Amino acid sequence: MALVPTSAPGERVRKHRHTLHLMDLRGRNETDGGPHATAYRREELGEDVVALAGALGTRPHLAGHSMGGRIARGAALAAPRRSRP
């Protein structure tokens, strides 16, 4: 699961027979963020990642750039058994 604003890494991921999920984070693009600033905390966004992984029935490798990296780390810390190193 990649937390990046582009699908650029897609070709490399597909070559290694992995599935790439690009997540629309709350408050970005088509996703409503909610009325409170707390909805955008790294911990809250990390829980969204954990919830998506659960809904997909997957234990993903997490990758992110800049804020996406911080959110990926937050997700891994929130649910260490739900992600892969």
PDB file of N, CA and C in Angstrom:
ATOM      1  N   MET A   1       0.852  -1.148   0.000  1.00  0.00           N
ATOM      2  CA  MET A   1       0.000   0.000   0.000  1.00  0.00           C
ATOM      3  C   MET A   1       0.902   1.216   0.000  1.00  0.00           C
ATOM      4  N   ALA A   2       0.738   2.061  -0.977  1.00  0.00           N
ATOM      5  CA  ALA A   2       1.592   3.239  -1.095  1.00  0.00           C
ATOM      6  C   ALA A   2       0.812   4.496  -0.746  1.00  0.00           C
ATOM      7  N   LEU A   3       1.417   5.329   0.052  1.00  0.00           N
ATOM      8  CA  LEU A   3       0.797   6.587   0.435  1.00  0.00           C
ATOM      9  C   LEU A   3       1.528   7.709  -0.280  1.00  0.00           C
ATOM     10  N   VAL A   4       1.338   7.746  -1.584  1.00  0.00           N
ATOM     11  CA  VAL A   4       1.985   8.746  -2.435  1.00  0.00           C
ATOM     12  C   VAL A   4       0.924   9.374  -3.336  1.00  0.00           C
ATOM     13  N   PRO A   5       1.163  10.582  -3.834  1.00  0.00           N
ATOM     14  CA  PRO A   5       0.148  11.248  -4.644  1.00  0.00           C
ATOM     15  C   PRO A   5       0.155  10.861  -6.122  1.00  0.00           C
ATOM     16  N   THR A   6       0.817   9.789  -6.478  1.00  0.00           N
ATOM     17  CA  THR A   6       0.913   9.405  -7.884  1.00  0.00           C
ATOM     18  C   THR A   6       0.987   7.891  -8.012  1.00  0.00           C
ATOM     19  N   SER A   7       0.697   7.376  -9.178  1.00  0.00           N
ATOM     20  CA  SER A   7       0.791   5.933  -9.410  1.00  0.00           C
ATOM     21  C   SER A   7       2.120   5.553 -10.055  1.00  0.00           C
ATOM     22  N   ALA A   8       3.092   6.445 -10.053  1.00  0.00           N
ATOM     23  CA  ALA A   8       4.385   6.203 -10.704  1.00  0.00           C
ATOM     24  C   ALA A   8       5.058   4.897 -10.294  1.00  0.00           C
ATOM     25  N   PRO A   9       5.017   4.480  -9.016  1.00  0.00           N
ATOM     26  CA  PRO A   9       5.698   3.232  -8.667  1.00  0.00           C
ATOM     27  C   PRO A   9       4.976   1.981  -9.153  1.00  0.00           C
ATOM     28  N   GLY A  10       3.820   2.147  -9.769  1.00  0.00           N
ATOM     29  CA  GLY A  10       2.995   1.008 -10.161  1.00  0.00           C
ATOM     30  C   GLY A  10       3.672  -0.015 -11.050  1.00  0.00           C
ATOM     31  N   GLU A  11       4.373   0.412 -12.074  1.00  0.00           N
ATOM     32  CA  GLU A  11       5.010  -0.530 -12.991  1.00  0.00           C
ATOM     33  C   GLU A  11       6.027  -1.414 -12.287  1.00  0.00           C
ATOM     34  N   ARG A  12       6.871  -0.832 -11.449  1.00  0.00           N
ATOM     35  CA  ARG A  12       7.874  -1.625 -10.729  1.00  0.00           C
ATOM     36  C   ARG A  12       7.211  -2.623  -9.797  1.00  0.00           C
ATOM     37  N   VAL A  13       6.150  -2.213  -9.148  1.00  0.00           N
ATOM     38  CA  VAL A  13       5.448  -3.099  -8.213  1.00  0.00           C
ATOM     39  C   VAL A  13       4.826  -4.265  -8.971  1.00  0.00           C
ATOM     40  N   ARG A  14       4.186  -3.986 -10.096  1.00  0.00           N
ATOM     41  CA  ARG A  14       3.550  -5.051 -10.882  1.00  0.00           C
ATOM     42  C   ARG A  14       4.568  -6.050 -11.414  1.00  0.00           C
ATOM     43  N   LYS A  15       5.764  -5.604 -11.734  1.00  0.00           N
ATOM     44  CA  LYS A  15       6.795  -6.524 -12.220  1.00  0.00           C
ATOM     45  C   LYS A  15       7.141  -7.575 -11.175  1.00  0.00           C
ATOM     46  N   HIS A  16       6.979  -7.222  -9.906  1.00  0.00           N
ATOM     47  CA  HIS A  16       7.291  -8.148  -8.825  1.00  0.00           C
ATOM     48  C   HIS A  16       6.051  -8.877  -8.322  1.00  0.00           C
ATOM     49  N   ARG A  17       4.970  -8.786  -9.083  1.00  0.00           N
ATOM     50  CA  ARG A  17       3.715  -9.501  -8.806  1.00  0.00           C
ATOM     51  C   ARG A  17       3.083  -9.128  -7.474  1.00  0.00           C
ATOM     52  N   HIS A  18       3.120  -7.872  -7.166  1.00  0.00           N
ATOM     53  CA  HIS A  18       2.432  -7.344  -5.997  1.00  0.00           C
ATOM     54  C   HIS A  18       1.256  -6.510  -6.481  1.00  0.00           C
ATOM     55  N   THR A  19       0.302  -6.318  -5.630  1.00  0.00           N
ATOM     56  CA  THR A  19      -0.821  -5.436  -5.920  1.00  0.00           C
ATOM     57  C   THR A  19      -0.550  -4.097  -5.249  1.00  0.00           C
ATOM     58  N   LEU A  20      -0.772  -3.028  -5.963  1.00  0.00           N
ATOM     59  CA  LEU A  20      -0.538  -1.694  -5.442  1.00  0.00           C
ATOM     60  C   LEU A  20      -1.878  -1.023  -5.150  1.00  0.00           C
ATOM     61  N   HIS A  21      -2.047  -0.563  -3.929  1.00  0.00           N
ATOM     62  CA  HIS A  21      -3.241   0.180  -3.538  1.00  0.00           C
ATOM     63  C   HIS A  21      -2.811   1.604  -3.221  1.00  0.00           C
ATOM     64  N   LEU A  22      -3.370   2.563  -3.934  1.00  0.00           N
ATOM     65  CA  LEU A  22      -3.105   3.969  -3.658  1.00  0.00           C
ATOM     66  C   LEU A  22      -4.310   4.509  -2.900  1.00  0.00           C
ATOM     67  N   MET A  23      -4.060   5.089  -1.769  1.00  0.00           N
ATOM     68  CA  MET A  23      -5.131   5.507  -0.879  1.00  0.00           C
ATOM     69  C   MET A  23      -5.400   7.002  -1.000  1.00  0.00           C
ATOM     70  N   ASP A  24      -6.672   7.340  -1.109  1.00  0.00           N
ATOM     71  CA  ASP A  24      -7.097   8.744  -1.100  1.00  0.00           C
ATOM     72  C   ASP A  24      -7.302   9.125   0.359  1.00  0.00           C
ATOM     73  N   LEU A  25      -6.338   9.828   0.937  1.00  0.00           N
ATOM     74  CA  LEU A  25      -6.398  10.178   2.353  1.00  0.00           C
ATOM     75  C   LEU A  25      -7.517  11.171   2.632  1.00  0.00           C
ATOM     76  N   ARG A  26      -8.051  11.127   3.827  1.00  0.00           N
ATOM     77  CA  ARG A  26      -9.146  12.043   4.176  1.00  0.00           C
ATOM     78  C   ARG A  26      -8.715  13.497   3.990  1.00  0.00           C
ATOM     79  N   GLY A  27      -9.642  14.259   3.447  1.00  0.00           N
ATOM     80  CA  GLY A  27      -9.376  15.662   3.179  1.00  0.00           C
ATOM     81  C   GLY A  27      -8.670  15.911   1.856  1.00  0.00           C
ATOM     82  N   ARG A  28      -8.394  14.870   1.095  1.00  0.00           N
ATOM     83  CA  ARG A  28      -7.710  14.991  -0.200  1.00  0.00           C
ATOM     84  C   ARG A  28      -8.640  14.504  -1.305  1.00  0.00           C
ATOM     85  N   ASN A  29      -8.540  15.097  -2.450  1.00  0.00           N
ATOM     86  CA  ASN A  29      -9.276  14.669  -3.644  1.00  0.00           C
ATOM     87  C   ASN A  29     -10.758  14.452  -3.352  1.00  0.00           C
ATOM     88  N   GLU A  30     -11.236  13.225  -3.434  1.00  0.00           N
ATOM     89  CA  GLU A  30     -12.662  12.930  -3.309  1.00  0.00           C
ATOM     90  C   GLU A  30     -13.109  12.612  -1.883  1.00  0.00           C
ATOM     91  N   THR A  31     -12.206  12.607  -0.930  1.00  0.00           N
ATOM     92  CA  THR A  31     -12.525  12.176   0.424  1.00  0.00           C
ATOM     93  C   THR A  31     -12.717  13.363   1.361  1.00  0.00           C
ATOM     94  N   ASP A  32     -13.852  13.360   2.073  1.00  0.00           N
ATOM     95  CA  ASP A  32     -14.126  14.398   3.055  1.00  0.00           C
ATOM     96  C   ASP A  32     -13.238  14.173   4.273  1.00  0.00           C
ATOM     97  N   GLY A  33     -12.747  15.239   4.840  1.00  0.00           N
ATOM     98  CA  GLY A  33     -11.846  15.121   5.980  1.00  0.00           C
ATOM     99  C   GLY A  33     -12.502  15.268   7.325  1.00  0.00           C
ATOM    100  N   GLY A  34     -13.696  15.752   7.381  1.00  0.00           N
ATOM    101  CA  GLY A  34     -14.333  15.970   8.667  1.00  0.00           C
ATOM    102  C   GLY A  34     -14.131  17.403   9.134  1.00  0.00           C
ATOM    103  N   PRO A  35     -14.951  17.839  10.082  1.00  0.00           N
ATOM    104  CA  PRO A  35     -14.951  19.238  10.498  1.00  0.00           C
ATOM    105  C   PRO A  35     -13.843  19.636  11.467  1.00  0.00           C
ATOM    106  N   HIS A  36     -13.177  18.681  12.098  1.00  0.00           N
ATOM    107  CA  HIS A  36     -12.211  19.006  13.149  1.00  0.00           C
ATOM    108  C   HIS A  36     -10.775  18.759  12.694  1.00  0.00           C
ATOM    109  N   ALA A  37      -9.874  19.595  13.155  1.00  0.00           N
ATOM    110  CA  ALA A  37      -8.452  19.453  12.810  1.00  0.00           C
ATOM    111  C   ALA A  37      -7.886  18.123  13.290  1.00  0.00           C
ATOM    112  N   THR A  38      -8.452  17.550  14.351  1.00  0.00           N
ATOM    113  CA  THR A  38      -7.951  16.269  14.862  1.00  0.00           C
ATOM    114  C   THR A  38      -8.145  15.139  13.856  1.00  0.00           C
ATOM    115  N   ALA A  39      -9.025  15.335  12.886  1.00  0.00           N
ATOM    116  CA  ALA A  39      -9.248  14.308  11.860  1.00  0.00           C
ATOM    117  C   ALA A  39      -8.022  14.115  10.979  1.00  0.00           C
ATOM    118  N   TYR A  40      -7.082  15.057  11.025  1.00  0.00           N
ATOM    119  CA  TYR A  40      -5.912  15.004  10.155  1.00  0.00           C
ATOM    120  C   TYR A  40      -4.634  14.610  10.894  1.00  0.00           C
ATOM    121  N   ARG A  41      -4.748  14.184  12.129  1.00  0.00           N
ATOM    122  CA  ARG A  41      -3.550  13.766  12.867  1.00  0.00           C
ATOM    123  C   ARG A  41      -2.994  12.481  12.256  1.00  0.00           C
ATOM    124  N   ARG A  42      -1.684  12.324  12.376  1.00  0.00           N
ATOM    125  CA  ARG A  42      -1.027  11.129  11.840  1.00  0.00           C
ATOM    126  C   ARG A  42      -1.662   9.852  12.383  1.00  0.00           C
ATOM    127  N   GLU A  43      -2.012   9.861  13.665  1.00  0.00           N
ATOM    128  CA  GLU A  43      -2.600   8.677  14.281  1.00  0.00           C
ATOM    129  C   GLU A  43      -3.954   8.332  13.650  1.00  0.00           C
ATOM    130  N   GLU A  44      -4.764   9.367  13.417  1.00  0.00           N
ATOM    131  CA  GLU A  44      -6.078   9.146  12.803  1.00  0.00           C
ATOM    132  C   GLU A  44      -5.930   8.627  11.375  1.00  0.00           C
ATOM    133  N   LEU A  45      -5.028   9.237  10.626  1.00  0.00           N
ATOM    134  CA  LEU A  45      -4.810   8.805   9.248  1.00  0.00           C
ATOM    135  C   LEU A  45      -4.211   7.400   9.201  1.00  0.00           C
ATOM    136  N   GLY A  46      -3.341   7.082  10.164  1.00  0.00           N
ATOM    137  CA  GLY A  46      -2.788   5.724  10.252  1.00  0.00           C
ATOM    138  C   GLY A  46      -3.867   4.694  10.516  1.00  0.00           C
ATOM    139  N   GLU A  47      -4.846   5.055  11.347  1.00  0.00           N
ATOM    140  CA  GLU A  47      -5.966   4.144  11.605  1.00  0.00           C
ATOM    141  C   GLU A  47      -6.794   3.918  10.345  1.00  0.00           C
ATOM    142  N   ASP A  48      -6.889   4.941   9.484  1.00  0.00           N
ATOM    143  CA  ASP A  48      -7.575   4.763   8.202  1.00  0.00           C
ATOM    144  C   ASP A  48      -6.850   3.722   7.349  1.00  0.00           C
ATOM    145  N   VAL A  49      -5.531   3.765   7.362  1.00  0.00           N
ATOM    146  CA  VAL A  49      -4.737   2.790   6.603  1.00  0.00           C
ATOM    147  C   VAL A  49      -4.985   1.383   7.140  1.00  0.00           C
ATOM    148  N   VAL A  50      -4.973   1.236   8.452  1.00  0.00           N
ATOM    149  CA  VAL A  50      -5.222  -0.069   9.079  1.00  0.00           C
ATOM    150  C   VAL A  50      -6.620  -0.571   8.712  1.00  0.00           C
ATOM    151  N   ALA A  51      -7.610   0.331   8.738  1.00  0.00           N
ATOM    152  CA  ALA A  51      -8.978  -0.043   8.391  1.00  0.00           C
ATOM    153  C   ALA A  51      -9.082  -0.490   6.930  1.00  0.00           C
ATOM    154  N   LEU A  52      -8.401   0.223   6.032  1.00  0.00           N
ATOM    155  CA  LEU A  52      -8.425  -0.168   4.622  1.00  0.00           C
ATOM    156  C   LEU A  52      -7.778  -1.531   4.428  1.00  0.00           C
ATOM    157  N   ALA A  53      -6.645  -1.756   5.071  1.00  0.00           N
ATOM    158  CA  ALA A  53      -5.976  -3.064   4.959  1.00  0.00           C
ATOM    159  C   ALA A  53      -6.899  -4.167   5.460  1.00  0.00           C
ATOM    160  N   GLY A  54      -7.609  -3.902   6.560  1.00  0.00           N
ATOM    161  CA  GLY A  54      -8.553  -4.890   7.081  1.00  0.00           C
ATOM    162  C   GLY A  54      -9.692  -5.148   6.108  1.00  0.00           C
ATOM    163  N   ALA A  55     -10.221  -4.091   5.511  1.00  0.00           N
ATOM    164  CA  ALA A  55     -11.314  -4.238   4.547  1.00  0.00           C
ATOM    165  C   ALA A  55     -10.867  -5.006   3.303  1.00  0.00           C
ATOM    166  N   LEU A  56      -9.594  -4.828   2.922  1.00  0.00           N
ATOM    167  CA  LEU A  56      -9.051  -5.545   1.763  1.00  0.00           C
ATOM    168  C   LEU A  56      -8.627  -6.961   2.122  1.00  0.00           C
ATOM    169  N   GLY A  57      -8.557  -7.256   3.427  1.00  0.00           N
ATOM    170  CA  GLY A  57      -8.114  -8.576   3.863  1.00  0.00           C
ATOM    171  C   GLY A  57      -6.655  -8.822   3.560  1.00  0.00           C
ATOM    172  N   THR A  58      -5.840  -7.797   3.711  1.00  0.00           N
ATOM    173  CA  THR A  58      -4.428  -7.914   3.369  1.00  0.00           C
ATOM    174  C   THR A  58      -3.540  -7.475   4.526  1.00  0.00           C
ATOM    175  N   ARG A  59      -2.315  -7.930   4.502  1.00  0.00           N
ATOM    176  CA  ARG A  59      -1.272  -7.501   5.444  1.00  0.00           C
ATOM    177  C   ARG A  59      -0.193  -6.834   4.596  1.00  0.00           C
ATOM    178  N   PRO A  60      -0.314  -5.529   4.367  1.00  0.00           N
ATOM    179  CA  PRO A  60       0.517  -4.874   3.354  1.00  0.00           C
ATOM    180  C   PRO A  60       1.919  -4.495   3.806  1.00  0.00           C
ATOM    181  N   HIS A  61       2.778  -4.356   2.807  1.00  0.00           N
ATOM    182  CA  HIS A  61       4.028  -3.628   2.977  1.00  0.00           C
ATOM    183  C   HIS A  61       3.614  -2.168   2.841  1.00  0.00           C
ATOM    184  N   LEU A  62       4.014  -1.336   3.755  1.00  0.00           N
ATOM    185  CA  LEU A  62       3.631   0.075   3.713  1.00  0.00           C
ATOM    186  C   LEU A  62       4.785   0.921   3.212  1.00  0.00           C
ATOM    187  N   ALA A  63       4.476   1.863   2.351  1.00  0.00           N
ATOM    188  CA  ALA A  63       5.484   2.787   1.851  1.00  0.00           C
ATOM    189  C   ALA A  63       4.841   4.154   1.715  1.00  0.00           C
ATOM    190  N   GLY A  64       5.618   5.178   1.972  1.00  0.00           N
ATOM    191  CA  GLY A  64       5.087   6.519   1.825  1.00  0.00           C
ATOM    192  C   GLY A  64       6.218   7.518   1.690  1.00  0.00           C
ATOM    193  N   HIS A  65       5.884   8.668   1.177  1.00  0.00           N
ATOM    194  CA  HIS A  65       6.855   9.741   0.997  1.00  0.00           C
ATOM    195  C   HIS A  65       6.390  10.947   1.797  1.00  0.00           C
ATOM    196  N   SER A  66       7.276  11.565   2.552  1.00  0.00           N
ATOM    197  CA  SER A  66       6.976  12.750   3.337  1.00  0.00           C
ATOM    198  C   SER A  66       5.845  12.450   4.325  1.00  0.00           C
ATOM    199  N   MET A  67       4.724  13.135   4.223  1.00  0.00           N
ATOM    200  CA  MET A  67       3.617  12.892   5.149  1.00  0.00           C
ATOM    201  C   MET A  67       3.130  11.447   5.045  1.00  0.00           C
ATOM    202  N   GLY A  68       3.150  10.885   3.839  1.00  0.00           N
ATOM    203  CA  GLY A  68       2.751   9.488   3.657  1.00  0.00           C
ATOM    204  C   GLY A  68       3.640   8.542   4.440  1.00  0.00           C
ATOM    205  N   GLY A  69       4.934   8.852   4.543  1.00  0.00           N
ATOM    206  CA  GLY A  69       5.852   8.039   5.341  1.00  0.00           C
ATOM    207  C   GLY A  69       5.512   8.105   6.816  1.00  0.00           C
ATOM    208  N   ARG A  70       5.150   9.290   7.285  1.00  0.00           N
ATOM    209  CA  ARG A  70       4.756   9.435   8.692  1.00  0.00           C
ATOM    210  C   ARG A  70       3.449   8.695   8.979  1.00  0.00           C
ATOM    211  N   ILE A  71       2.533   8.730   8.033  1.00  0.00           N
ATOM    212  CA  ILE A  71       1.266   8.012   8.206  1.00  0.00           C
ATOM    213  C   ILE A  71       1.512   6.506   8.177  1.00  0.00           C
ATOM    214  N   ALA A  72       2.372   6.036   7.276  1.00  0.00           N
ATOM    215  CA  ALA A  72       2.702   4.607   7.212  1.00  0.00           C
ATOM    216  C   ALA A  72       3.316   4.148   8.527  1.00  0.00           C
ATOM    217  N   ARG A  73       4.209   4.961   9.075  1.00  0.00           N
ATOM    218  CA  ARG A  73       4.809   4.626  10.374  1.00  0.00           C
ATOM    219  C   ARG A  73       3.743   4.599  11.462  1.00  0.00           C
ATOM    220  N   GLY A  74       2.833   5.552  11.445  1.00  0.00           N
ATOM    221  CA  GLY A  74       1.747   5.572  12.416  1.00  0.00           C
ATOM    222  C   GLY A  74       0.872   4.335  12.317  1.00  0.00           C
ATOM    223  N   ALA A  75       0.596   3.891  11.100  1.00  0.00           N
ATOM    224  CA  ALA A  75      -0.206   2.682  10.899  1.00  0.00           C
ATOM    225  C   ALA A  75       0.527   1.450  11.423  1.00  0.00           C
ATOM    226  N   ALA A  76       1.809   1.372  11.129  1.00  0.00           N
ATOM    227  CA  ALA A  76       2.598   0.225  11.595  1.00  0.00           C
ATOM    228  C   ALA A  76       2.693   0.189  13.112  1.00  0.00           C
ATOM    229  N   LEU A  77       2.806   1.353  13.735  1.00  0.00           N
ATOM    230  CA  LEU A  77       2.862   1.404  15.196  1.00  0.00           C
ATOM    231  C   LEU A  77       1.505   1.100  15.824  1.00  0.00           C
ATOM    232  N   ALA A  78       0.428   1.520  15.169  1.00  0.00           N
ATOM    233  CA  ALA A  78      -0.913   1.295  15.692  1.00  0.00           C
ATOM    234  C   ALA A  78      -1.306  -0.172  15.627  1.00  0.00           C
ATOM    235  N   ALA A  79      -0.853  -0.873  14.597  1.00  0.00           N
ATOM    236  CA  ALA A  79      -1.238  -2.272  14.414  1.00  0.00           C
ATOM    237  C   ALA A  79      -0.058  -3.044  13.814  1.00  0.00           C
ATOM    238  N   PRO A  80       0.977  -3.317  14.614  1.00  0.00           N
ATOM    239  CA  PRO A  80       2.200  -3.926  14.081  1.00  0.00           C
ATOM    240  C   PRO A  80       1.994  -5.288  13.436  1.00  0.00           C
ATOM    241  N   ARG A  81       0.999  -6.008  13.837  1.00  0.00           N
ATOM    242  CA  ARG A  81       0.767  -7.346  13.248  1.00  0.00           C
ATOM    243  C   ARG A  81      -0.031  -7.275  11.960  1.00  0.00           C
ATOM    244  N   ARG A  82      -0.487  -6.078  11.598  1.00  0.00           N
ATOM    245  CA  ARG A  82      -1.294  -5.911  10.394  1.00  0.00           C
ATOM    246  C   ARG A  82      -0.483  -5.437   9.200  1.00  0.00           C
ATOM    247  N   SER A  83       0.827  -5.148   9.402  1.00  0.00           N
ATOM    248  CA  SER A  83       1.666  -4.697   8.285  1.00  0.00           C
ATOM    249  C   SER A  83       2.950  -5.506   8.261  1.00  0.00           C
ATOM    250  N   ARG A  84       3.660  -5.406   7.152  1.00  0.00           N
ATOM    251  CA  ARG A  84       4.930  -6.117   6.986  1.00  0.00           C
ATOM    252  C   ARG A  84       6.069  -5.107   6.970  1.00  0.00           C
ATOM    253  N   PRO A  85       7.227  -5.521   7.437  1.00  0.00           N
ATOM    254  CA  PRO A  85       8.389  -4.603   7.414  1.00  0.00           C
ATOM    255  C   PRO A  85       8.845  -4.332   5.989  1.00  0.00           C
TER     256      PRO A  85
END
